[in-house]
PDB file of all heavy atoms in Angstrom:
ATOM      1  N   ASP A   1     143.081 137.919 147.775  1.00  0.00           N
ATOM      2  CA  ASP A   1     143.879 137.240 148.786  1.00  0.00           C
ATOM      3  C   ASP A   1     144.440 138.298 149.741  1.00  0.00           C
ATOM      4  O   ASP A   1     145.411 138.977 149.418  1.00  0.00           O
ATOM      5  CB  ASP A   1     145.018 136.447 148.141  1.00  0.00           C
ATOM      6  CG  ASP A   1     145.843 135.686 149.173  1.00  0.00           C
ATOM      7  OD1 ASP A   1     145.526 135.756 150.381  1.00  0.00           O
ATOM      8  OD2 ASP A   1     146.818 135.016 148.766  1.00  0.00           O
ATOM      9  N   LEU A   2     143.816 138.413 150.914  1.00  0.00           N
ATOM     10  CA  LEU A   2     144.248 139.384 151.922  1.00  0.00           C
ATOM     11  C   LEU A   2     144.840 138.686 153.143  1.00  0.00           C
ATOM     12  O   LEU A   2     144.913 139.268 154.214  1.00  0.00           O
ATOM     13  CB  LEU A   2     143.052 140.264 152.338  1.00  0.00           C
ATOM     14  CG  LEU A   2     142.356 141.030 151.199  1.00  0.00           C
ATOM     15  CD1 LEU A   2     141.194 141.850 151.767  1.00  0.00           C
ATOM     16  CD2 LEU A   2     143.346 141.936 150.474  1.00  0.00           C
ATOM     17  N   SER A   3     145.272 137.457 152.958  1.00  0.00           N
ATOM     18  CA  SER A   3     145.714 136.663 154.100  1.00  0.00           C
ATOM     19  C   SER A   3     146.886 137.297 154.835  1.00  0.00           C
ATOM     20  O   SER A   3     146.993 137.161 156.055  1.00  0.00           O
ATOM     21  CB  SER A   3     146.084 135.246 153.646  1.00  0.00           C
ATOM     22  OG  SER A   3     147.055 135.273 152.619  1.00  0.00           O
ATOM     23  N   ARG A   4     147.773 138.017 154.127  1.00  0.00           N
ATOM     24  CA  ARG A   4     148.936 138.587 154.808  1.00  0.00           C
ATOM     25  C   ARG A   4     148.534 139.679 155.810  1.00  0.00           C
ATOM     26  O   ARG A   4     149.312 140.009 156.714  1.00  0.00           O
ATOM     27  CB  ARG A   4     149.927 139.154 153.789  1.00  0.00           C
ATOM     28  CG  ARG A   4     149.475 140.364 152.998  1.00  0.00           C
ATOM     29  CD  ARG A   4     150.473 140.663 151.886  1.00  0.00           C
ATOM     30  NE  ARG A   4     150.289 141.914 151.194  1.00  0.00           N
ATOM     31  CZ  ARG A   4     149.451 142.079 150.172  1.00  0.00           C
ATOM     32  NH1 ARG A   4     148.709 141.054 149.755  1.00  0.00           N
ATOM     33  NH2 ARG A   4     149.341 143.258 149.573  1.00  0.00           N
ATOM     34  N   PHE A   5     147.320 140.212 155.669  1.00  0.00           N
ATOM     35  CA  PHE A   5     146.861 141.250 156.588  1.00  0.00           C
ATOM     36  C   PHE A   5     146.060 140.696 157.756  1.00  0.00           C
ATOM     37  O   PHE A   5     145.909 141.359 158.783  1.00  0.00           O
ATOM     38  CB  PHE A   5     145.988 142.267 155.851  1.00  0.00           C
ATOM     39  CG  PHE A   5     146.656 142.934 154.683  1.00  0.00           C
ATOM     40  CD1 PHE A   5     146.211 142.683 153.398  1.00  0.00           C
ATOM     41  CD2 PHE A   5     147.728 143.782 154.872  1.00  0.00           C
ATOM     42  CE1 PHE A   5     146.822 143.291 152.308  1.00  0.00           C
ATOM     43  CE2 PHE A   5     148.342 144.392 153.803  1.00  0.00           C
ATOM     44  CZ  PHE A   5     147.896 144.142 152.513  1.00  0.00           C
ATOM     45  N   VAL A   6     145.529 139.487 157.619  1.00  0.00           N
ATOM     46  CA  VAL A   6     144.523 139.046 158.592  1.00  0.00           C
ATOM     47  C   VAL A   6     144.734 137.642 159.159  1.00  0.00           C
ATOM     48  O   VAL A   6     144.172 137.323 160.211  1.00  0.00           O
ATOM     49  CB  VAL A   6     143.118 139.107 157.959  1.00  0.00           C
ATOM     50  CG1 VAL A   6     142.726 140.538 157.647  1.00  0.00           C
ATOM     51  CG2 VAL A   6     143.024 138.224 156.710  1.00  0.00           C
ATOM     52  N   ALA A   7     145.498 136.801 158.522  1.00  0.00           N
ATOM     53  CA  ALA A   7     145.597 135.406 158.973  1.00  0.00           C
ATOM     54  C   ALA A   7     146.139 135.312 160.396  1.00  0.00           C
ATOM     55  O   ALA A   7     145.806 134.376 161.136  1.00  0.00           O
ATOM     56  CB  ALA A   7     146.481 134.605 158.023  1.00  0.00           C
ATOM     57  N   HIS A   8     146.943 136.287 160.819  1.00  0.00           N
ATOM     58  CA  HIS A   8     147.525 136.276 162.164  1.00  0.00           C
ATOM     59  C   HIS A   8     146.535 136.798 163.210  1.00  0.00           C
ATOM     60  O   HIS A   8     146.814 136.708 164.409  1.00  0.00           O
ATOM     61  CB  HIS A   8     148.796 137.136 162.193  1.00  0.00           C
ATOM     62  CG  HIS A   8     148.565 138.562 161.821  1.00  0.00           C
ATOM     63  ND1 HIS A   8     148.330 138.949 160.523  1.00  0.00           N
ATOM     64  CD2 HIS A   8     148.547 139.696 162.575  1.00  0.00           C
ATOM     65  CE1 HIS A   8     148.172 140.271 160.479  1.00  0.00           C
ATOM     66  NE2 HIS A   8     148.301 140.733 161.700  1.00  0.00           N
ATOM     67  N   ARG A   9     145.425 137.340 162.777  1.00  0.00           N
ATOM     68  CA  ARG A   9     144.393 137.848 163.687  1.00  0.00           C
ATOM     69  C   ARG A   9     143.014 137.496 163.121  1.00  0.00           C
ATOM     70  O   ARG A   9     142.246 138.362 162.735  1.00  0.00           O
ATOM     71  CB  ARG A   9     144.528 139.371 163.867  1.00  0.00           C
ATOM     72  CG  ARG A   9     144.666 140.121 162.545  1.00  0.00           C
ATOM     73  CD  ARG A   9     144.775 141.619 162.698  1.00  0.00           C
ATOM     74  NE  ARG A   9     144.952 142.253 161.387  1.00  0.00           N
ATOM     75  CZ  ARG A   9     145.053 143.565 161.192  1.00  0.00           C
ATOM     76  NH1 ARG A   9     145.013 144.380 162.226  1.00  0.00           N
ATOM     77  NH2 ARG A   9     145.187 144.049 159.966  1.00  0.00           N
ATOM     78  N   PRO A  10     142.727 136.193 163.052  1.00  0.00           N
ATOM     79  CA  PRO A  10     141.515 135.730 162.366  1.00  0.00           C
ATOM     80  C   PRO A  10     140.252 136.323 162.970  1.00  0.00           C
ATOM     81  O   PRO A  10     140.101 136.382 164.194  1.00  0.00           O
ATOM     82  CB  PRO A  10     141.567 134.214 162.537  1.00  0.00           C
ATOM     83  CG  PRO A  10     142.455 133.983 163.721  1.00  0.00           C
ATOM     84  CD  PRO A  10     143.468 135.088 163.685  1.00  0.00           C
ATOM     85  N   SER A  11     139.366 136.736 162.104  1.00  0.00           N
ATOM     86  CA  SER A  11     138.107 137.327 162.535  1.00  0.00           C
ATOM     87  C   SER A  11     137.107 137.258 161.402  1.00  0.00           C
ATOM     88  O   SER A  11     137.436 136.931 160.260  1.00  0.00           O
ATOM     89  CB  SER A  11     138.315 138.785 162.966  1.00  0.00           C
ATOM     90  OG  SER A  11     137.097 139.359 163.401  1.00  0.00           O
ATOM     91  N   VAL A  12     135.888 137.623 161.730  1.00  0.00           N
ATOM     92  CA  VAL A  12     134.837 137.766 160.745  1.00  0.00           C
ATOM     93  C   VAL A  12     134.745 139.204 160.254  1.00  0.00           C
ATOM     94  O   VAL A  12     134.448 139.471 159.095  1.00  0.00           O
ATOM     95  CB  VAL A  12     133.483 137.333 161.355  1.00  0.00           C
ATOM     96  CG1 VAL A  12     132.335 137.573 160.384  1.00  0.00           C
ATOM     97  CG2 VAL A  12     133.528 135.876 161.763  1.00  0.00           C
ATOM     98  N   LEU A  13     135.033 140.156 161.158  1.00  0.00           N
ATOM     99  CA  LEU A  13     134.791 141.572 160.891  1.00  0.00           C
ATOM    100  C   LEU A  13     136.024 142.416 161.214  1.00  0.00           C
ATOM    101  O   LEU A  13     136.622 142.288 162.297  1.00  0.00           O
ATOM    102  CB  LEU A  13     133.607 142.062 161.716  1.00  0.00           C
ATOM    103  CG  LEU A  13     132.251 141.397 161.417  1.00  0.00           C
ATOM    104  CD1 LEU A  13     131.270 141.674 162.549  1.00  0.00           C
ATOM    105  CD2 LEU A  13     131.700 141.887 160.096  1.00  0.00           C
ATOM    106  N   TYR A  14     136.333 143.316 160.286  1.00  0.00           N
ATOM    107  CA  TYR A  14     137.413 144.296 160.477  1.00  0.00           C
ATOM    108  C   TYR A  14     136.795 145.671 160.209  1.00  0.00           C
ATOM    109  O   TYR A  14     136.283 145.934 159.119  1.00  0.00           O
ATOM    110  CB  TYR A  14     138.564 144.009 159.526  1.00  0.00           C
ATOM    111  CG  TYR A  14     139.171 142.637 159.734  1.00  0.00           C
ATOM    112  CD1 TYR A  14     138.620 141.507 159.115  1.00  0.00           C
ATOM    113  CD2 TYR A  14     140.263 142.450 160.577  1.00  0.00           C
ATOM    114  CE1 TYR A  14     139.141 140.247 159.323  1.00  0.00           C
ATOM    115  CE2 TYR A  14     140.803 141.183 160.787  1.00  0.00           C
ATOM    116  CZ  TYR A  14     140.227 140.091 160.171  1.00  0.00           C
ATOM    117  OH  TYR A  14     140.751 138.835 160.385  1.00  0.00           O
ATOM    118  N   TRP A  15     136.836 146.538 161.224  1.00  0.00           N
ATOM    119  CA  TRP A  15     136.169 147.825 161.192  1.00  0.00           C
ATOM    120  C   TRP A  15     137.200 148.936 160.962  1.00  0.00           C
ATOM    121  O   TRP A  15     138.225 148.986 161.648  1.00  0.00           O
ATOM    122  CB  TRP A  15     135.436 148.077 162.506  1.00  0.00           C
ATOM    123  CG  TRP A  15     134.343 147.090 162.772  1.00  0.00           C
ATOM    124  CD1 TRP A  15     134.479 145.783 163.136  1.00  0.00           C
ATOM    125  CD2 TRP A  15     132.938 147.335 162.674  1.00  0.00           C
ATOM    126  NE1 TRP A  15     133.256 145.195 163.278  1.00  0.00           N
ATOM    127  CE2 TRP A  15     132.280 146.117 163.002  1.00  0.00           C
ATOM    128  CE3 TRP A  15     132.169 148.451 162.358  1.00  0.00           C
ATOM    129  CZ2 TRP A  15     130.895 146.004 163.029  1.00  0.00           C
ATOM    130  CZ3 TRP A  15     130.778 148.340 162.381  1.00  0.00           C
ATOM    131  CH2 TRP A  15     130.153 147.125 162.699  1.00  0.00           C
ATOM    132  N   MET A  16     136.893 149.837 160.012  1.00  0.00           N
ATOM    133  CA  MET A  16     137.864 150.844 159.587  1.00  0.00           C
ATOM    134  C   MET A  16     137.392 152.265 159.892  1.00  0.00           C
ATOM    135  O   MET A  16     136.275 152.649 159.550  1.00  0.00           O
ATOM    136  CB  MET A  16     138.086 150.758 158.079  1.00  0.00           C
ATOM    137  CG  MET A  16     138.182 149.352 157.521  1.00  0.00           C
ATOM    138  SD  MET A  16     139.503 148.373 158.242  1.00  0.00           S
ATOM    139  CE  MET A  16     139.268 146.829 157.376  1.00  0.00           C
ATOM    140  N   LEU A  17     138.263 153.019 160.544  1.00  0.00           N
ATOM    141  CA  LEU A  17     138.009 154.436 160.787  1.00  0.00           C
ATOM    142  C   LEU A  17     138.731 155.236 159.711  1.00  0.00           C
ATOM    143  O   LEU A  17     139.944 155.405 159.738  1.00  0.00           O
ATOM    144  CB  LEU A  17     138.516 154.830 162.180  1.00  0.00           C
ATOM    145  CG  LEU A  17     138.211 156.263 162.636  1.00  0.00           C
ATOM    146  CD1 LEU A  17     136.704 156.527 162.643  1.00  0.00           C
ATOM    147  CD2 LEU A  17     138.783 156.510 164.022  1.00  0.00           C
ATOM    148  N   GLN A  18     137.933 155.692 158.741  1.00  0.00           N
ATOM    149  CA  GLN A  18     138.439 156.459 157.617  1.00  0.00           C
ATOM    150  C   GLN A  18     137.535 157.676 157.408  1.00  0.00           C
ATOM    151  O   GLN A  18     136.399 157.685 157.876  1.00  0.00           O
ATOM    152  CB  GLN A  18     138.443 155.599 156.340  1.00  0.00           C
ATOM    153  CG  GLN A  18     139.543 154.574 156.253  1.00  0.00           C
ATOM    154  CD  GLN A  18     140.873 155.186 155.836  1.00  0.00           C
ATOM    155  OE1 GLN A  18     140.931 156.296 155.327  1.00  0.00           O
ATOM    156  NE2 GLN A  18     141.964 154.451 156.074  1.00  0.00           N
ATOM    157  N   PRO A  19     138.002 158.701 156.741  1.00  0.00           N
ATOM    158  CA  PRO A  19     137.133 159.863 156.496  1.00  0.00           C
ATOM    159  C   PRO A  19     135.826 159.445 155.834  1.00  0.00           C
ATOM    160  O   PRO A  19     135.807 158.756 154.808  1.00  0.00           O
ATOM    161  CB  PRO A  19     137.983 160.738 155.566  1.00  0.00           C
ATOM    162  CG  PRO A  19     139.400 160.405 155.929  1.00  0.00           C
ATOM    163  CD  PRO A  19     139.375 158.938 156.247  1.00  0.00           C
ATOM    164  N   GLY A  20     134.712 159.817 156.456  1.00  0.00           N
ATOM    165  CA  GLY A  20     133.390 159.485 155.942  1.00  0.00           C
ATOM    166  C   GLY A  20     132.850 158.148 156.388  1.00  0.00           C
ATOM    167  O   GLY A  20     131.725 157.772 156.049  1.00  0.00           O
ATOM    168  N   ALA A  21     133.616 157.424 157.209  1.00  0.00           N
ATOM    169  CA  ALA A  21     133.238 156.056 157.566  1.00  0.00           C
ATOM    170  C   ALA A  21     131.985 155.995 158.425  1.00  0.00           C
ATOM    171  O   ALA A  21     131.269 154.995 158.404  1.00  0.00           O
ATOM    172  CB  ALA A  21     134.387 155.366 158.278  1.00  0.00           C
ATOM    173  N   GLU A  22     131.732 157.035 159.203  1.00  0.00           N
ATOM    174  CA  GLU A  22     130.610 156.997 160.144  1.00  0.00           C
ATOM    175  C   GLU A  22     129.294 157.434 159.506  1.00  0.00           C
ATOM    176  O   GLU A  22     128.249 157.441 160.145  1.00  0.00           O
ATOM    177  CB  GLU A  22     130.911 157.856 161.371  1.00  0.00           C
ATOM    178  CG  GLU A  22     130.615 159.357 161.232  1.00  0.00           C
ATOM    179  CD  GLU A  22     131.592 160.093 160.318  1.00  0.00           C
ATOM    180  OE1 GLU A  22     132.556 159.479 159.815  1.00  0.00           O
ATOM    181  OE2 GLU A  22     131.391 161.300 160.122  1.00  0.00           O
ATOM    182  N   LYS A  23     129.325 157.778 158.229  1.00  0.00           N
ATOM    183  CA  LYS A  23     128.131 158.281 157.551  1.00  0.00           C
ATOM    184  C   LYS A  23     127.109 157.150 157.407  1.00  0.00           C
ATOM    185  O   LYS A  23     127.282 156.231 156.607  1.00  0.00           O
ATOM    186  CB  LYS A  23     128.478 158.842 156.195  1.00  0.00           C
ATOM    187  CG  LYS A  23     127.276 159.470 155.449  1.00  0.00           C
ATOM    188  CD  LYS A  23     127.606 159.780 154.006  1.00  0.00           C
ATOM    189  CE  LYS A  23     128.704 160.819 153.905  1.00  0.00           C
ATOM    190  NZ  LYS A  23     128.983 161.154 152.482  1.00  0.00           N
ATOM    191  N   GLU A  24     126.024 157.233 158.200  1.00  0.00           N
ATOM    192  CA  GLU A  24     124.957 156.237 158.165  1.00  0.00           C
ATOM    193  C   GLU A  24     125.563 154.824 158.140  1.00  0.00           C
ATOM    194  O   GLU A  24     126.470 154.524 158.882  1.00  0.00           O
ATOM    195  CB  GLU A  24     124.012 156.538 156.991  1.00  0.00           C
ATOM    196  CG  GLU A  24     123.352 157.927 157.156  1.00  0.00           C
ATOM    197  CD  GLU A  24     122.167 158.157 156.277  1.00  0.00           C
ATOM    198  OE1 GLU A  24     121.664 157.212 155.674  1.00  0.00           O
ATOM    199  OE2 GLU A  24     121.708 159.321 156.215  1.00  0.00           O
ATOM    200  N   GLY A  25     125.131 153.945 157.243  1.00  0.00           N
ATOM    201  CA  GLY A  25     125.710 152.594 157.196  1.00  0.00           C
ATOM    202  C   GLY A  25     125.616 151.895 158.538  1.00  0.00           C
ATOM    203  O   GLY A  25     124.618 151.981 159.242  1.00  0.00           O
ATOM    204  N   VAL A  26     126.696 151.192 158.915  1.00  0.00           N
ATOM    205  CA  VAL A  26     126.722 150.426 160.158  1.00  0.00           C
ATOM    206  C   VAL A  26     127.666 151.038 161.182  1.00  0.00           C
ATOM    207  O   VAL A  26     128.039 150.386 162.146  1.00  0.00           O
ATOM    208  CB  VAL A  26     127.077 148.944 159.894  1.00  0.00           C
ATOM    209  CG1 VAL A  26     125.970 148.259 159.110  1.00  0.00           C
ATOM    210  CG2 VAL A  26     128.402 148.804 159.166  1.00  0.00           C
ATOM    211  N   GLY A  27     128.049 152.268 160.983  1.00  0.00           N
ATOM    212  CA  GLY A  27     128.830 152.993 161.984  1.00  0.00           C
ATOM    213  C   GLY A  27     130.259 153.261 161.590  1.00  0.00           C
ATOM    214  O   GLY A  27     130.824 154.301 161.943  1.00  0.00           O
ATOM    215  N   LEU A  28     130.888 152.349 160.863  1.00  0.00           N
ATOM    216  CA  LEU A  28     132.242 152.518 160.334  1.00  0.00           C
ATOM    217  C   LEU A  28     132.302 151.751 159.014  1.00  0.00           C
ATOM    218  O   LEU A  28     131.377 151.017 158.665  1.00  0.00           O
ATOM    219  CB  LEU A  28     133.298 151.980 161.308  1.00  0.00           C
ATOM    220  CG  LEU A  28     133.506 152.730 162.635  1.00  0.00           C
ATOM    221  CD1 LEU A  28     134.528 151.977 163.493  1.00  0.00           C
ATOM    222  CD2 LEU A  28     133.954 154.161 162.426  1.00  0.00           C
ATOM    223  N   GLY A  29     133.423 151.894 158.297  1.00  0.00           N
ATOM    224  CA  GLY A  29     133.646 151.024 157.158  1.00  0.00           C
ATOM    225  C   GLY A  29     133.983 149.629 157.640  1.00  0.00           C
ATOM    226  O   GLY A  29     134.580 149.458 158.701  1.00  0.00           O
ATOM    227  N   VAL A  30     133.576 148.619 156.870  1.00  0.00           N
ATOM    228  CA  VAL A  30     133.764 147.237 157.315  1.00  0.00           C
ATOM    229  C   VAL A  30     134.261 146.389 156.154  1.00  0.00           C
ATOM    230  O   VAL A  30     133.786 146.506 155.026  1.00  0.00           O
ATOM    231  CB  VAL A  30     132.443 146.629 157.837  1.00  0.00           C
ATOM    232  CG1 VAL A  30     132.628 145.156 158.209  1.00  0.00           C
ATOM    233  CG2 VAL A  30     131.928 147.414 159.044  1.00  0.00           C
ATOM    234  N   LEU A  31     135.216 145.507 156.459  1.00  0.00           N
ATOM    235  CA  LEU A  31     135.542 144.381 155.589  1.00  0.00           C
ATOM    236  C   LEU A  31     135.148 143.123 156.338  1.00  0.00           C
ATOM    237  O   LEU A  31     135.650 142.843 157.426  1.00  0.00           O
ATOM    238  CB  LEU A  31     137.024 144.350 155.232  1.00  0.00           C
ATOM    239  CG  LEU A  31     137.479 145.376 154.195  1.00  0.00           C
ATOM    240  CD1 LEU A  31     138.982 145.327 154.016  1.00  0.00           C
ATOM    241  CD2 LEU A  31     136.787 145.121 152.843  1.00  0.00           C
ATOM    242  N   ARG A  32     134.211 142.394 155.766  1.00  0.00           N
ATOM    243  CA  ARG A  32     133.711 141.168 156.390  1.00  0.00           C
ATOM    244  C   ARG A  32     134.234 139.953 155.634  1.00  0.00           C
ATOM    245  O   ARG A  32     134.137 139.874 154.414  1.00  0.00           O
ATOM    246  CB  ARG A  32     132.189 141.166 156.344  1.00  0.00           C
ATOM    247  CG  ARG A  32     131.569 139.915 156.965  1.00  0.00           C
ATOM    248  CD  ARG A  32     130.111 139.754 156.561  1.00  0.00           C
ATOM    249  NE  ARG A  32     129.860 138.423 156.034  1.00  0.00           N
ATOM    250  CZ  ARG A  32     128.794 138.070 155.336  1.00  0.00           C
ATOM    251  NH1 ARG A  32     127.884 138.963 155.045  1.00  0.00           N
ATOM    252  NH2 ARG A  32     128.668 136.823 154.912  1.00  0.00           N
ATOM    253  N   MET A  33     134.810 139.048 156.380  1.00  0.00           N
ATOM    254  CA  MET A  33     135.287 137.804 155.789  1.00  0.00           C
ATOM    255  C   MET A  33     134.110 136.929 155.406  1.00  0.00           C
ATOM    256  O   MET A  33     133.184 136.707 156.199  1.00  0.00           O
ATOM    257  CB  MET A  33     136.186 137.076 156.793  1.00  0.00           C
ATOM    258  CG  MET A  33     136.732 135.746 156.302  1.00  0.00           C
ATOM    259  SD  MET A  33     135.582 134.346 156.577  1.00  0.00           S
ATOM    260  CE  MET A  33     135.518 134.272 158.344  1.00  0.00           C
ATOM    261  N   ILE A  34     134.126 136.406 154.181  1.00  0.00           N
ATOM    262  CA  ILE A  34     133.134 135.423 153.757  1.00  0.00           C
ATOM    263  C   ILE A  34     133.753 134.041 153.762  1.00  0.00           C
ATOM    264  O   ILE A  34     133.210 133.103 154.349  1.00  0.00           O
ATOM    265  CB  ILE A  34     132.571 135.780 152.362  1.00  0.00           C
ATOM    266  CG1 ILE A  34     131.842 137.128 152.417  1.00  0.00           C
ATOM    267  CG2 ILE A  34     131.635 134.680 151.866  1.00  0.00           C
ATOM    268  CD1 ILE A  34     131.437 137.652 151.073  1.00  0.00           C
ATOM    269  N   LYS A  35     134.929 133.923 153.107  1.00  0.00           N
ATOM    270  CA  LYS A  35     135.704 132.687 153.177  1.00  0.00           C
ATOM    271  C   LYS A  35     137.141 133.077 153.451  1.00  0.00           C
ATOM    272  O   LYS A  35     137.702 133.913 152.747  1.00  0.00           O
ATOM    273  CB  LYS A  35     135.617 131.911 151.857  1.00  0.00           C
ATOM    274  CG  LYS A  35     134.233 131.351 151.570  1.00  0.00           C
ATOM    275  CD  LYS A  35     134.218 130.559 150.261  1.00  0.00           C
ATOM    276  CE  LYS A  35     132.827 130.012 149.973  1.00  0.00           C
ATOM    277  NZ  LYS A  35     132.784 129.294 148.659  1.00  0.00           N
ATOM    278  N   PRO A  36     137.739 132.464 154.480  1.00  0.00           N
ATOM    279  CA  PRO A  36     139.111 132.868 154.836  1.00  0.00           C
ATOM    280  C   PRO A  36     140.084 132.522 153.711  1.00  0.00           C
ATOM    281  O   PRO A  36     140.053 131.400 153.226  1.00  0.00           O
ATOM    282  CB  PRO A  36     139.413 132.005 156.064  1.00  0.00           C
ATOM    283  CG  PRO A  36     138.103 131.421 156.494  1.00  0.00           C
ATOM    284  CD  PRO A  36     137.226 131.366 155.306  1.00  0.00           C
ATOM    285  N   TRP A  37     140.936 133.402 153.365  1.00  0.00           N
ATOM    286  CA  TRP A  37     140.946 134.846 153.547  1.00  0.00           C
ATOM    287  C   TRP A  37     140.952 135.486 152.180  1.00  0.00           C
ATOM    288  O   TRP A  37     141.707 136.365 151.887  1.00  0.00           O
ATOM    289  CB  TRP A  37     142.171 135.258 154.370  1.00  0.00           C
ATOM    290  CG  TRP A  37     142.251 134.521 155.668  1.00  0.00           C
ATOM    291  CD1 TRP A  37     143.096 133.526 155.990  1.00  0.00           C
ATOM    292  CD2 TRP A  37     141.411 134.743 156.806  1.00  0.00           C
ATOM    293  NE1 TRP A  37     142.852 133.072 157.277  1.00  0.00           N
ATOM    294  CE2 TRP A  37     141.808 133.817 157.797  1.00  0.00           C
ATOM    295  CE3 TRP A  37     140.359 135.604 157.107  1.00  0.00           C
ATOM    296  CZ2 TRP A  37     141.197 133.742 159.055  1.00  0.00           C
ATOM    297  CZ3 TRP A  37     139.760 135.526 158.351  1.00  0.00           C
ATOM    298  CH2 TRP A  37     140.184 134.598 159.303  1.00  0.00           C
ATOM    299  N   HIS A  38     140.048 134.926 151.333  1.00  0.00           N
ATOM    300  CA  HIS A  38     140.105 135.342 149.931  1.00  0.00           C
ATOM    301  C   HIS A  38     138.753 135.798 149.367  1.00  0.00           C
ATOM    302  O   HIS A  38     138.681 136.200 148.206  1.00  0.00           O
ATOM    303  CB  HIS A  38     140.652 134.205 149.061  1.00  0.00           C
ATOM    304  CG  HIS A  38     139.838 132.958 149.130  1.00  0.00           C
ATOM    305  ND1 HIS A  38     138.714 132.745 148.372  1.00  0.00           N
ATOM    306  CD2 HIS A  38     139.992 131.846 149.903  1.00  0.00           C
ATOM    307  CE1 HIS A  38     138.205 131.556 148.665  1.00  0.00           C
ATOM    308  NE2 HIS A  38     138.957 130.992 149.591  1.00  0.00           N
ATOM    309  N   GLU A  39     137.685 135.726 150.173  1.00  0.00           N
ATOM    310  CA  GLU A  39     136.407 136.259 149.725  1.00  0.00           C
ATOM    311  C   GLU A  39     135.855 137.195 150.786  1.00  0.00           C
ATOM    312  O   GLU A  39     135.822 136.850 151.977  1.00  0.00           O
ATOM    313  CB  GLU A  39     135.403 135.137 149.443  1.00  0.00           C
ATOM    314  CG  GLU A  39     134.138 135.646 148.778  1.00  0.00           C
ATOM    315  CD  GLU A  39     133.190 134.529 148.349  1.00  0.00           C
ATOM    316  OE1 GLU A  39     133.555 133.336 148.506  1.00  0.00           O
ATOM    317  OE2 GLU A  39     132.100 134.852 147.849  1.00  0.00           O
ATOM    318  N   TRP A  40     135.396 138.386 150.351  1.00  0.00           N
ATOM    319  CA  TRP A  40     135.108 139.475 151.281  1.00  0.00           C
ATOM    320  C   TRP A  40     133.840 140.229 150.888  1.00  0.00           C
ATOM    321  O   TRP A  40     133.445 140.242 149.717  1.00  0.00           O
ATOM    322  CB  TRP A  40     136.272 140.474 151.318  1.00  0.00           C
ATOM    323  CG  TRP A  40     137.547 139.838 151.754  1.00  0.00           C
ATOM    324  CD1 TRP A  40     138.461 139.195 150.952  1.00  0.00           C
ATOM    325  CD2 TRP A  40     138.049 139.748 153.089  1.00  0.00           C
ATOM    326  NE1 TRP A  40     139.496 138.710 151.721  1.00  0.00           N
ATOM    327  CE2 TRP A  40     139.275 139.044 153.034  1.00  0.00           C
ATOM    328  CE3 TRP A  40     137.587 140.201 154.317  1.00  0.00           C
ATOM    329  CZ2 TRP A  40     140.027 138.778 154.156  1.00  0.00           C
ATOM    330  CZ3 TRP A  40     138.339 139.950 155.447  1.00  0.00           C
ATOM    331  CH2 TRP A  40     139.551 139.241 155.372  1.00  0.00           C
ATOM    332  N   MET A  41     133.263 140.868 151.893  1.00  0.00           N
ATOM    333  CA  MET A  41     132.222 141.856 151.643  1.00  0.00           C
ATOM    334  C   MET A  41     132.678 143.193 152.202  1.00  0.00           C
ATOM    335  O   MET A  41     133.067 143.277 153.378  1.00  0.00           O
ATOM    336  CB  MET A  41     130.885 141.463 152.291  1.00  0.00           C
ATOM    337  CG  MET A  41     129.795 142.527 152.084  1.00  0.00           C
ATOM    338  SD  MET A  41     128.224 142.151 152.912  1.00  0.00           S
ATOM    339  CE  MET A  41     127.595 140.878 151.836  1.00  0.00           C
ATOM    340  N   LEU A  42     132.644 144.210 151.377  1.00  0.00           N
ATOM    341  CA  LEU A  42     132.950 145.567 151.800  1.00  0.00           C
ATOM    342  C   LEU A  42     131.643 146.282 152.100  1.00  0.00           C
ATOM    343  O   LEU A  42     130.714 146.260 151.276  1.00  0.00           O
ATOM    344  CB  LEU A  42     133.737 146.282 150.700  1.00  0.00           C
ATOM    345  CG  LEU A  42     134.242 147.701 150.957  1.00  0.00           C
ATOM    346  CD1 LEU A  42     135.416 148.004 150.027  1.00  0.00           C
ATOM    347  CD2 LEU A  42     133.171 148.781 150.784  1.00  0.00           C
ATOM    348  N   MET A  43     131.545 146.916 153.270  1.00  0.00           N
ATOM    349  CA  MET A  43     130.359 147.691 153.645  1.00  0.00           C
ATOM    350  C   MET A  43     130.759 149.136 153.892  1.00  0.00           C
ATOM    351  O   MET A  43     131.746 149.405 154.599  1.00  0.00           O
ATOM    352  CB  MET A  43     129.675 147.098 154.880  1.00  0.00           C
ATOM    353  CG  MET A  43     128.971 145.787 154.601  1.00  0.00           C
ATOM    354  SD  MET A  43     128.069 145.140 156.035  1.00  0.00           S
ATOM    355  CE  MET A  43     129.375 144.282 156.917  1.00  0.00           C
TER     356      MET A  43
END
């Protein structure tokens, strides 16, 4: 349940700039919403 972080700014994708985030993959770290706001995919 991550609703307290995202319900006020609903989206499908949240992109994170963290050390190592740009290494291959899709360009940055990502938390993708699957079902609001309690099921997620981390990339």
